Amino acid sequence: MKGKTLFENFNPVSEKEWKQKIQYDLKGKDYNEEVVWNSPEGIKVKPFYHAEDLEHITVTSSHITSWNIGQAIYSGNAIMANEKALKYIAKGAEAIRFVIPTDVVDGATLLNNIDLNAVNVYFDMQFLSKDYITKTLDKVTDSKKIHFQIDPIGHLAKSGNWYESMPSDINLVNDLAALNIDNLLSVDVSLYQNAGADMVQQLADALSHANEYLNILQERGNLAKLKSVDFKVAVGGNYFFEIAKIKALRNLWNVLAQAYDIAVPCHIITQPSRRNKTIYDYNVNLLRTTTECMSAVLGGSDAVFNLNYNSEYKKDNDFAERIAFNQLILLKEESYFDKVENPAEGSYYIETISAQLAEKALILFKAIEKDGGFLKQLKNHTIQNRIADSAQKQQEKFNTKKTVLVGSNAYQNENDKMAQEIELYPFVKKNPRKTLITPIIEKRLAEELEQNRLSHE
C-alpha cells in the first residue's frame, strides 16, 4: 500500500461492465424500459454515467469565481428604494435590481451612496429611454457595474407590442450602443420558461433572441462596441437539468460570439421559476426556491435573485423578503456554495446532459434562423405555438399527477383556506387590447386547480 493511492488497488470498471451488472440484476427485464427515462426534451437519461460518456464531449470551464447575492427592489419611489437597497447591502447583498416603472424615478437618486465598485446594480426599466440612461450616466463616475438591461424584443414577446415601434426601438438600441455603455443589452429567457417552454426551446429561443441584437448592431457597424450581454434566466425544479441548462447557455453564447468573431462575455442572472409555485401549502415554495437557487449557483450564475415564498398572492413584506434573502445568505456563507469554483465541471451526468441540451438547442436555433429568425417567427406565431404545445404537455402531466407539486395536486391539506389571504391576483390576467403579435403569457401549472379550490371554500 505504501506510495499508492486507494484507487490504484482496484481494477477500473468499464461502462459495459456496469451495464451488464445492471442487466443481470434486472433478471430479464428490459434495461431501456425499466431504468432509462425520457426527459421532455427527448433526452434518454441513463441510470448511471461513466467517464466514457465524456470521451466525445469537450468540457469547458465557466470561469466563474464567485456569484453575487441579489435583491430585487420595486422602485416606484426613488428615495425609499435607495434606502431599502442600502439596508440590504448592509445585510450582505452584492447585487441590487431596481424595478423602475417610469422615467419619473430618478436614476441618480436610486444610486445614492451605493459603492459601485462593490455592488452590481441592474436597472430593470419598464420603459425605453435614451435620455434616462444618459442622464443617469452623467451623474455617476463609474458605470461599469450598472446593467441597463435594454430588451425591446423581450418587451415585444411579453406584451405583444414594441415600446414605440420597431424602427424606433431598433434605432434606439443602436444609438445607445454607440455610447459605448459597458452593460446595455439583456435577453429575458425567464419569459419562455415561465410560459412553459422546455429547456431546449428556452436555450434556442435565448440564442435566437440574442442573435437578433447581434444582427441589429452589425448592420449599423456597432457590433464592435458591444461589451457584454445579460441573460435573465428562470430556474425550475429539475435540479440537475437546470444546472446543465445554465452551463449549456454559456457555452452556446460562446459559440454564437465566435461565429461573429467577437470576444464578448455573457452575464447570467437567475431567479426561481414562477411556473411551479403554488398558493396552497405555500411553505413548500421555500423548498422549491432553495433547490432552484442551488441549481443556479452550481450552473454558474453570476448573480442569483430569490423569490418570496408567497410572492404569487401577497404584496412584498419584510418577513417574506427577509426569509428569501436569508436563503441566499445561508447558501453562500453557511453552506459554502462560494468555496468551490465550477463545482459541476467534470460531472459525467451533468456534462453529458448539458452537451445534449446544447446540441438539440443548436439544431432548433438553426431551424429558427433558416426560417427567417426570431422576430419573423414571433410575428407568424411559430415561437408562441411551440411554447404553447410544450406548456400543454406539462399541464397534462400536472393534471394527471405525473408531475407532482406537493400540497397542490397531491397530498392536499383540505384545511387550507386561502380566499382571505390573497392580496394580489395570482392568475393569468385577461386584459384585451390591440397587439401586433400574440404575446407569450406566463402561467403557473396550478392555476386552474387553485381557482377551483378557491371557488369551493
Protein backbone atom coordinates (compact mmCIF):
# COMPACT_ATOMS: atom_id res chain seq x y z
CA MET A 1 0.00 0.00 0.00
CA LYS A 2 2.89 2.37 0.67
CA GLY A 3 3.23 5.01 -2.02
CA LYS A 4 -0.03 4.04 -3.68
CA THR A 5 -3.42 5.69 -3.66
CA LEU A 6 -6.55 3.82 -2.60
CA PHE A 7 -7.96 3.63 -6.11
CA GLU A 8 -4.84 2.01 -7.51
CA ASN A 9 -5.79 -1.12 -5.56
CA PHE A 10 -8.98 -1.61 -7.59
CA ASN A 11 -9.29 -2.54 -11.22
CA PRO A 12 -11.19 0.01 -13.36
CA VAL A 13 -14.74 -0.96 -14.33
CA SER A 14 -15.87 -0.13 -17.84
CA GLU A 15 -19.25 1.28 -18.79
CA LYS A 16 -20.08 -2.02 -20.49
CA GLU A 17 -19.37 -4.00 -17.31
CA TRP A 18 -21.59 -1.69 -15.22
CA LYS A 19 -24.43 -2.08 -17.72
CA GLN A 20 -24.03 -5.88 -17.76
CA LYS A 21 -24.27 -5.93 -13.96
CA ILE A 22 -27.47 -3.87 -14.03
CA GLN A 23 -28.99 -6.10 -16.71
CA TYR A 24 -28.13 -9.16 -14.61
CA ASP A 25 -29.82 -7.63 -11.53
CA LEU A 26 -32.92 -6.80 -13.60
CA LYS A 27 -33.46 -10.56 -14.05
CA GLY A 28 -34.59 -10.45 -17.65
CA LYS A 29 -36.47 -7.15 -17.57
CA ASP A 30 -35.74 -4.72 -20.39
CA TYR A 31 -32.96 -2.28 -19.46
CA ASN A 32 -34.33 0.60 -21.55
CA GLU A 33 -37.88 0.22 -20.22
CA GLU A 34 -37.00 -0.26 -16.57
CA VAL A 35 -34.18 2.17 -15.79
CA VAL A 36 -33.93 4.63 -18.70
CA TRP A 37 -36.36 7.56 -18.77
CA ASN A 38 -37.07 10.21 -21.37
CA SER A 39 -36.95 13.89 -20.48
CA PRO A 40 -39.45 16.32 -22.06
CA GLU A 41 -36.60 17.44 -24.33
CA GLY A 42 -36.23 13.94 -25.78
CA ILE A 43 -33.06 13.10 -23.85
CA LYS A 44 -32.72 9.49 -22.69
CA VAL A 45 -31.48 9.62 -19.10
CA LYS A 46 -29.47 6.60 -18.07
CA PRO A 47 -29.29 5.11 -14.55
CA PHE A 48 -25.55 5.80 -14.37
CA TYR A 49 -22.89 7.79 -16.20
CA HIS A 50 -19.27 6.89 -16.76
CA ALA A 51 -16.02 8.58 -17.73
CA GLU A 52 -16.52 7.08 -21.18
CA ASP A 53 -19.53 9.39 -21.63
CA LEU A 54 -17.16 12.36 -21.73
CA GLU A 55 -14.87 10.94 -24.40
CA HIS A 56 -16.69 12.80 -27.18
CA ILE A 57 -17.57 15.90 -25.11
CA THR A 58 -15.42 18.98 -24.72
CA VAL A 59 -15.68 20.03 -21.10
CA THR A 60 -15.35 23.81 -20.87
CA SER A 61 -14.81 25.89 -17.77
CA SER A 62 -17.37 28.58 -16.94
CA HIS A 63 -14.65 30.73 -15.36
CA ILE A 64 -16.97 31.82 -12.57
CA THR A 65 -15.01 32.59 -9.42
CA SER A 66 -17.99 33.75 -7.37
CA TRP A 67 -21.68 34.58 -7.54
CA ASN A 68 -23.49 37.58 -6.18
CA ILE A 69 -26.36 37.54 -3.72
CA GLY A 70 -29.07 39.66 -5.30
CA GLN A 71 -32.07 41.60 -4.04
CA ALA A 72 -34.82 42.96 -6.28
CA ILE A 73 -36.50 46.20 -5.20
CA TYR A 74 -39.59 47.79 -6.69
CA SER A 75 -38.70 51.43 -7.25
CA GLY A 76 -41.84 53.49 -7.54
CA ASN A 77 -40.27 55.96 -5.10
CA ALA A 78 -36.55 56.59 -5.70
CA ILE A 79 -35.70 57.71 -2.15
CA MET A 80 -37.45 54.78 -0.48
CA ALA A 81 -35.96 52.30 -2.97
CA ASN A 82 -32.47 53.66 -2.32
CA GLU A 83 -32.92 53.37 1.45
CA LYS A 84 -34.09 49.78 1.05
CA ALA A 85 -31.13 48.96 -1.20
CA LEU A 86 -28.66 50.35 1.32
CA LYS A 87 -30.32 48.29 4.06
CA TYR A 88 -29.90 45.08 2.04
CA ILE A 89 -26.34 45.93 1.05
CA ALA A 90 -25.54 46.27 4.75
CA LYS A 91 -27.03 42.79 5.26
CA GLY A 92 -24.85 41.26 2.55
CA ALA A 93 -26.46 41.96 -0.82
CA GLU A 94 -23.88 42.12 -3.61
CA ALA A 95 -26.30 42.93 -6.44
CA ILE A 96 -29.38 45.14 -6.48
CA ARG A 97 -32.07 45.06 -9.17
CA PHE A 98 -34.18 48.19 -9.26
CA VAL A 99 -37.54 47.53 -10.94
CA ILE A 100 -38.26 51.01 -12.35
CA PRO A 101 -41.85 51.57 -13.54
CA THR A 102 -41.47 55.03 -15.17
CA ASP A 103 -38.83 57.56 -16.17
CA VAL A 104 -40.05 59.86 -13.39
CA VAL A 105 -38.00 57.77 -10.95
CA ASP A 106 -34.58 59.45 -10.77
CA GLY A 107 -31.74 57.04 -11.54
CA ALA A 108 -29.10 59.03 -9.70
CA THR A 109 -31.22 59.05 -6.53
CA LEU A 110 -31.52 55.28 -6.72
CA LEU A 111 -27.71 55.04 -6.78
CA ASN A 112 -27.11 57.50 -3.93
CA ASN A 113 -24.37 56.23 -1.55
CA ILE A 114 -24.12 52.85 -3.30
CA ASP A 115 -20.49 51.84 -3.86
CA LEU A 116 -20.49 50.73 -7.49
CA ASN A 117 -17.03 49.23 -7.02
CA ALA A 118 -18.52 46.71 -4.61
CA VAL A 119 -22.11 46.25 -5.78
CA ASN A 120 -23.58 45.40 -9.20
CA VAL A 121 -26.73 47.38 -9.99
CA TYR A 122 -29.37 46.30 -12.50
CA PHE A 123 -31.87 48.79 -13.90
CA ASP A 124 -34.93 46.73 -14.81
CA MET A 125 -36.67 49.57 -16.66
CA GLN A 126 -40.28 49.12 -17.69
CA PHE A 127 -39.76 51.68 -20.46
CA LEU A 128 -37.19 52.55 -23.13
CA SER A 129 -35.45 55.92 -22.89
CA LYS A 130 -32.09 57.15 -24.11
CA ASP A 131 -32.42 60.35 -22.10
CA TYR A 132 -32.99 58.44 -18.88
CA ILE A 133 -29.82 56.41 -19.36
CA THR A 134 -27.63 59.32 -20.43
CA LYS A 135 -28.83 61.49 -17.53
CA THR A 136 -28.07 58.69 -15.10
CA LEU A 137 -24.62 58.13 -16.59
CA ASP A 138 -23.84 61.86 -16.37
CA LYS A 139 -24.26 61.68 -12.59
CA VAL A 140 -22.09 58.63 -11.86
CA THR A 141 -18.32 58.33 -12.05
CA ASP A 142 -18.12 54.57 -12.73
CA SER A 143 -20.80 52.97 -14.87
CA LYS A 144 -19.17 49.55 -15.34
CA LYS A 145 -21.23 47.96 -12.57
CA ILE A 146 -24.55 49.30 -13.88
CA HIS A 147 -26.54 46.93 -16.10
CA PHE A 148 -29.28 48.76 -18.00
CA GLN A 149 -30.87 45.57 -19.37
CA ILE A 150 -32.37 47.02 -22.55
CA ASP A 151 -34.55 44.38 -24.22
CA PRO A 152 -37.20 45.72 -26.64
CA ILE A 153 -37.53 42.31 -28.31
CA GLY A 154 -38.32 40.78 -24.93
CA HIS A 155 -40.91 43.51 -24.40
CA LEU A 156 -42.47 42.65 -27.75
CA ALA A 157 -42.59 38.95 -26.88
CA LYS A 158 -44.15 39.60 -23.47
CA SER A 159 -46.59 42.43 -24.27
CA GLY A 160 -47.27 41.87 -27.96
CA ASN A 161 -46.11 45.40 -28.84
CA TRP A 162 -42.91 47.37 -29.25
CA TYR A 163 -42.32 50.20 -26.79
CA GLU A 164 -42.98 52.64 -29.63
CA SER A 165 -42.42 50.94 -32.98
CA MET A 166 -39.96 48.50 -34.49
CA PRO A 167 -37.87 51.16 -36.32
CA SER A 168 -37.85 53.47 -33.30
CA ASP A 169 -36.87 50.75 -30.81
CA ILE A 170 -34.14 49.32 -33.03
CA ASN A 171 -32.74 52.78 -33.78
CA LEU A 172 -32.60 53.45 -30.06
CA VAL A 173 -30.66 50.23 -29.44
CA ASN A 174 -28.07 51.37 -31.97
CA ASP A 175 -27.97 54.91 -30.57
CA LEU A 176 -27.33 53.54 -27.08
CA ALA A 177 -24.72 51.08 -28.36
CA ALA A 178 -22.87 53.98 -29.96
CA LEU A 179 -22.41 55.48 -26.47
CA ASN A 180 -20.06 52.60 -25.52
CA ILE A 181 -22.09 51.63 -22.47
CA ASP A 182 -20.48 48.66 -20.74
CA ASN A 183 -23.63 46.68 -19.87
CA LEU A 184 -26.50 47.58 -22.14
CA LEU A 185 -28.36 44.63 -23.69
CA SER A 186 -30.35 41.94 -21.96
CA VAL A 187 -32.20 38.82 -23.12
CA ASP A 188 -35.17 37.77 -20.98
CA VAL A 189 -35.11 33.98 -21.11
CA SER A 190 -37.28 33.72 -17.98
CA LEU A 191 -40.38 34.57 -20.02
CA TYR A 192 -40.05 31.37 -22.06
CA GLN A 193 -39.56 29.14 -19.01
CA ASN A 194 -42.44 30.70 -17.07
CA ALA A 195 -44.69 30.31 -20.10
CA GLY A 196 -43.97 26.58 -20.37
CA ALA A 197 -41.12 26.18 -22.88
CA ASP A 198 -38.97 23.10 -22.39
CA MET A 199 -35.25 23.55 -21.85
CA VAL A 200 -34.22 23.06 -25.47
CA GLN A 201 -36.74 25.69 -26.52
CA GLN A 202 -35.53 28.07 -23.82
CA LEU A 203 -31.94 27.75 -24.97
CA ALA A 204 -32.73 28.00 -28.68
CA ASP A 205 -35.04 30.99 -28.16
CA ALA A 206 -32.44 32.69 -25.97
CA LEU A 207 -29.78 32.23 -28.63
CA SER A 208 -32.02 33.36 -31.49
CA HIS A 209 -33.30 36.31 -29.41
CA ALA A 210 -29.69 37.39 -28.76
CA ASN A 211 -28.79 36.83 -32.40
CA GLU A 212 -31.35 39.45 -33.44
CA TYR A 213 -29.44 42.03 -31.42
CA LEU A 214 -26.12 40.96 -32.93
CA ASN A 215 -27.62 41.39 -36.41
CA ILE A 216 -29.07 44.79 -35.49
CA LEU A 217 -25.72 46.05 -34.20
CA GLN A 218 -23.76 44.55 -37.08
CA GLU A 219 -25.95 46.24 -39.70
CA ARG A 220 -25.16 49.68 -38.22
CA GLY A 221 -21.49 48.99 -37.54
CA ASN A 222 -21.95 48.94 -33.76
CA LEU A 223 -21.15 45.29 -33.08
CA ALA A 224 -17.56 46.07 -32.05
CA LYS A 225 -18.93 48.34 -29.31
CA LEU A 226 -20.82 45.51 -27.62
CA LYS A 227 -19.06 44.63 -24.37
CA SER A 228 -21.45 42.25 -22.60
CA VAL A 229 -24.88 40.64 -22.85
CA ASP A 230 -27.09 39.82 -19.88
CA PHE A 231 -29.28 36.70 -19.86
CA LYS A 232 -32.14 36.70 -17.35
CA VAL A 233 -32.95 33.04 -16.65
CA ALA A 234 -35.73 31.34 -14.67
CA VAL A 235 -34.69 28.14 -12.92
CA GLY A 236 -37.20 25.32 -12.46
CA GLY A 237 -37.34 22.29 -10.21
CA ASN A 238 -35.46 19.71 -12.32
CA TYR A 239 -32.31 20.08 -10.21
CA PHE A 240 -29.56 18.55 -12.34
CA PHE A 241 -31.10 19.50 -15.69
CA GLU A 242 -31.29 23.15 -14.60
CA ILE A 243 -27.59 23.10 -13.70
CA ALA A 244 -26.92 21.64 -17.13
CA LYS A 245 -29.17 24.25 -18.80
CA ILE A 246 -27.21 27.19 -17.41
CA LYS A 247 -23.91 25.61 -18.40
CA ALA A 248 -25.28 24.95 -21.89
CA LEU A 249 -26.46 28.56 -22.24
CA ARG A 250 -22.99 29.93 -21.53
CA ASN A 251 -21.41 27.50 -23.97
CA LEU A 252 -23.96 28.28 -26.68
CA TRP A 253 -23.37 32.00 -26.29
CA ASN A 254 -19.63 31.43 -26.72
CA VAL A 255 -20.34 29.51 -29.94
CA LEU A 256 -22.51 32.37 -31.24
CA ALA A 257 -19.96 35.02 -30.27
CA GLN A 258 -17.22 33.10 -32.05
CA ALA A 259 -19.38 32.97 -35.19
CA TYR A 260 -19.40 36.79 -35.16
CA ASP A 261 -15.69 36.89 -34.30
CA ILE A 262 -16.31 38.87 -31.11
CA ALA A 263 -14.95 38.21 -27.63
CA VAL A 264 -17.99 39.31 -25.66
CA PRO A 265 -18.82 37.58 -22.37
CA CYS A 266 -22.34 36.86 -21.22
CA HIS A 267 -23.62 37.69 -17.75
CA ILE A 268 -26.22 35.26 -16.38
CA ILE A 269 -28.76 36.46 -13.82
CA THR A 270 -31.06 33.81 -12.39
CA GLN A 271 -34.26 33.66 -10.37
CA PRO A 272 -36.54 30.77 -9.36
CA SER A 273 -39.32 29.89 -11.77
CA ARG A 274 -42.86 31.06 -11.10
CA ARG A 275 -44.35 28.18 -13.06
CA ASN A 276 -44.21 25.62 -10.24
CA LYS A 277 -45.14 27.95 -7.38
CA THR A 278 -48.43 27.46 -5.53
CA ILE A 279 -50.73 29.47 -3.28
CA TYR A 280 -51.95 26.42 -1.34
CA ASP A 281 -49.39 24.85 1.00
CA TYR A 282 -47.25 27.87 0.16
CA ASN A 283 -44.46 26.95 2.55
CA VAL A 284 -43.39 24.23 0.11
CA ASN A 285 -42.32 27.13 -2.13
CA LEU A 286 -39.43 27.61 0.30
CA LEU A 287 -38.11 24.17 -0.62
CA ARG A 288 -38.62 24.82 -4.31
CA THR A 289 -36.81 28.16 -4.29
CA THR A 290 -33.93 26.71 -2.24
CA THR A 291 -33.17 23.90 -4.68
CA GLU A 292 -33.66 26.24 -7.64
CA CYS A 293 -31.18 28.74 -6.22
CA MET A 294 -28.78 25.85 -5.65
CA SER A 295 -29.09 24.85 -9.31
CA ALA A 296 -28.50 28.46 -10.30
CA VAL A 297 -25.29 28.64 -8.29
CA LEU A 298 -23.93 25.27 -9.39
CA GLY A 299 -24.75 26.03 -13.02
CA GLY A 300 -22.51 29.09 -12.95
CA SER A 301 -24.80 32.11 -12.48
CA ASP A 302 -23.19 35.49 -11.99
CA ALA A 303 -25.99 36.76 -9.76
CA VAL A 304 -28.87 34.96 -8.06
CA PHE A 305 -32.11 36.65 -7.02
CA ASN A 306 -34.67 34.78 -4.95
CA LEU A 307 -38.49 34.86 -4.90
CA ASN A 308 -40.60 35.38 -1.79
CA TYR A 309 -42.38 32.15 -0.88
CA ASN A 310 -45.73 33.97 -1.03
CA SER A 311 -44.97 36.31 -3.93
CA GLU A 312 -47.78 34.93 -6.09
CA TYR A 313 -50.59 36.13 -3.87
CA LYS A 314 -49.16 38.57 -1.33
CA LYS A 315 -47.63 42.04 -1.62
CA ASP A 316 -43.96 42.49 -0.74
CA ASN A 317 -43.50 42.30 3.01
CA ASP A 318 -40.49 42.42 5.32
CA PHE A 319 -40.87 38.88 6.68
CA ALA A 320 -41.07 37.11 3.31
CA GLU A 321 -38.26 39.24 1.86
CA ARG A 322 -36.05 38.51 4.87
CA ILE A 323 -36.62 34.76 4.53
CA ALA A 324 -35.89 34.83 0.77
CA PHE A 325 -32.74 36.87 1.26
CA ASN A 326 -31.53 34.67 4.11
CA GLN A 327 -31.89 31.59 1.93
CA LEU A 328 -29.15 33.03 -0.30
CA ILE A 329 -27.05 34.06 2.70
CA LEU A 330 -27.26 30.52 4.06
CA LEU A 331 -26.24 29.01 0.73
CA LYS A 332 -23.23 31.26 0.39
CA GLU A 333 -21.97 31.79 3.91
CA GLU A 334 -23.04 28.66 5.77
CA SER A 335 -23.36 26.02 3.05
CA TYR A 336 -20.09 27.11 1.39
CA PHE A 337 -21.56 27.42 -2.09
CA ASP A 338 -18.92 30.01 -2.92
CA LYS A 339 -15.89 27.95 -1.90
CA VAL A 340 -15.54 25.73 -4.98
CA GLU A 341 -15.03 27.15 -8.45
CA ASN A 342 -17.16 25.46 -11.15
CA PRO A 343 -18.35 22.65 -8.84
CA ALA A 344 -20.33 20.86 -11.58
CA GLU A 345 -17.40 20.80 -14.00
CA GLY A 346 -16.44 17.26 -14.99
CA SER A 347 -19.59 15.62 -13.61
CA TYR A 348 -20.30 12.76 -16.01
CA TYR A 349 -24.07 13.17 -15.70
CA ILE A 350 -24.30 16.98 -15.82
CA GLU A 351 -21.72 17.43 -18.55
CA THR A 352 -23.44 14.82 -20.72
CA ILE A 353 -26.91 16.32 -20.23
CA SER A 354 -25.54 19.83 -20.82
CA ALA A 355 -23.92 18.75 -24.09
CA GLN A 356 -27.13 17.08 -25.26
CA LEU A 357 -29.25 20.12 -24.39
CA ALA A 358 -26.80 22.39 -26.24
CA GLU A 359 -26.75 20.11 -29.28
CA LYS A 360 -30.54 19.93 -29.52
CA ALA A 361 -30.86 23.69 -28.91
CA LEU A 362 -28.34 24.43 -31.64
CA ILE A 363 -30.36 22.35 -34.11
CA LEU A 364 -33.54 24.26 -33.21
CA PHE A 365 -31.69 27.59 -33.34
CA LYS A 366 -30.51 26.83 -36.86
CA ALA A 367 -34.06 25.94 -37.86
CA ILE A 368 -35.32 29.27 -36.48
CA GLU A 369 -32.63 31.18 -38.37
CA LYS A 370 -33.29 29.25 -41.57
CA ASP A 371 -36.94 30.26 -41.31
CA GLY A 372 -36.07 33.95 -41.07
CA GLY A 373 -35.04 34.41 -37.46
CA PHE A 374 -36.61 35.03 -34.09
CA LEU A 375 -38.57 38.17 -34.95
CA LYS A 376 -40.13 36.56 -38.00
CA GLN A 377 -41.17 33.51 -36.00
CA LEU A 378 -42.65 35.76 -33.32
CA LYS A 379 -44.67 37.60 -35.96
CA ASN A 380 -46.01 34.42 -37.55
CA HIS A 381 -46.57 32.93 -34.05
CA THR A 382 -44.31 29.92 -34.56
CA ILE A 383 -42.49 30.65 -31.28
CA GLN A 384 -45.75 31.13 -29.38
CA ASN A 385 -47.29 27.95 -30.77
CA ARG A 386 -44.20 25.87 -29.98
CA ILE A 387 -44.16 27.11 -26.38
CA ALA A 388 -47.92 26.57 -26.08
CA ASP A 389 -47.55 22.95 -27.21
CA SER A 390 -44.86 22.35 -24.62
CA ALA A 391 -46.91 24.10 -21.92
CA GLN A 392 -49.93 21.94 -22.72
CA LYS A 393 -47.88 18.76 -22.34
CA GLN A 394 -46.61 19.98 -18.98
CA GLN A 395 -50.16 20.84 -17.92
CA GLU A 396 -51.44 17.39 -18.85
CA LYS A 397 -48.70 15.78 -16.75
CA PHE A 398 -49.67 18.00 -13.81
CA ASN A 399 -53.38 17.27 -14.26
CA THR A 400 -52.74 13.51 -14.34
CA LYS A 401 -50.26 13.74 -11.42
CA LYS A 402 -47.34 12.52 -13.47
CA THR A 403 -45.80 15.81 -12.39
CA VAL A 404 -46.41 16.33 -8.67
CA LEU A 405 -46.47 19.60 -6.79
CA VAL A 406 -46.80 18.63 -3.13
CA GLY A 407 -49.74 20.31 -1.44
CA SER A 408 -51.29 21.22 -4.76
CA ASN A 409 -52.17 18.24 -6.96
CA ALA A 410 -51.02 15.69 -4.36
CA TYR A 411 -51.09 15.46 -0.55
CA GLN A 412 -53.52 18.35 -0.26
CA ASN A 413 -54.29 19.82 3.11
CA GLU A 414 -58.05 20.22 2.92
CA ASN A 415 -57.96 22.59 5.90
CA ASP A 416 -56.02 25.18 3.87
CA LYS A 417 -58.17 28.25 3.29
CA MET A 418 -56.65 30.96 1.12
CA ALA A 419 -59.52 33.16 -0.04
CA GLN A 420 -58.97 35.70 2.73
CA GLU A 421 -55.18 35.71 2.30
CA ILE A 422 -54.96 36.82 -1.32
CA GLU A 423 -53.71 40.39 -1.80
CA LEU A 424 -52.55 40.04 -5.41
CA TYR A 425 -54.46 38.36 -8.24
CA PRO A 426 -52.47 35.11 -8.67
CA PHE A 427 -53.82 34.01 -12.05
CA VAL A 428 -53.36 34.99 -15.67
CA LYS A 429 -54.84 38.46 -16.10
CA LYS A 430 -57.14 38.90 -19.07
CA ASN A 431 -56.56 42.36 -20.49
CA PRO A 432 -57.97 42.59 -24.03
CA ARG A 433 -56.01 45.10 -26.07
CA LYS A 434 -54.72 45.61 -29.57
CA THR A 435 -51.34 43.99 -30.14
CA LEU A 436 -49.05 43.43 -33.12
CA ILE A 437 -48.49 39.80 -32.17
CA THR A 438 -49.94 37.31 -29.72
CA PRO A 439 -47.91 37.81 -26.54
CA ILE A 440 -46.19 34.94 -24.73
CA ILE A 441 -48.15 34.52 -21.50
CA GLU A 442 -46.60 33.30 -18.26
CA LYS A 443 -48.80 30.85 -16.40
CA ARG A 444 -48.42 28.65 -13.34
CA LEU A 445 -49.26 24.94 -13.54
CA ALA A 446 -51.60 25.02 -10.52
CA GLU A 447 -53.81 27.92 -11.60
CA GLU A 448 -56.97 26.03 -12.68
CA LEU A 449 -56.78 23.70 -9.69
CA GLU A 450 -56.37 26.64 -7.31
CA GLN A 451 -59.25 28.57 -8.86
CA ASN A 452 -61.47 25.53 -8.39
CA ARG A 453 -60.45 25.15 -4.73
CA LEU A 454 -60.98 28.84 -4.05
CA SER A 455 -64.47 28.69 -5.55
CA HIS A 456 -65.40 25.90 -3.13
CA GLU A 457 -64.10 27.46 0.07
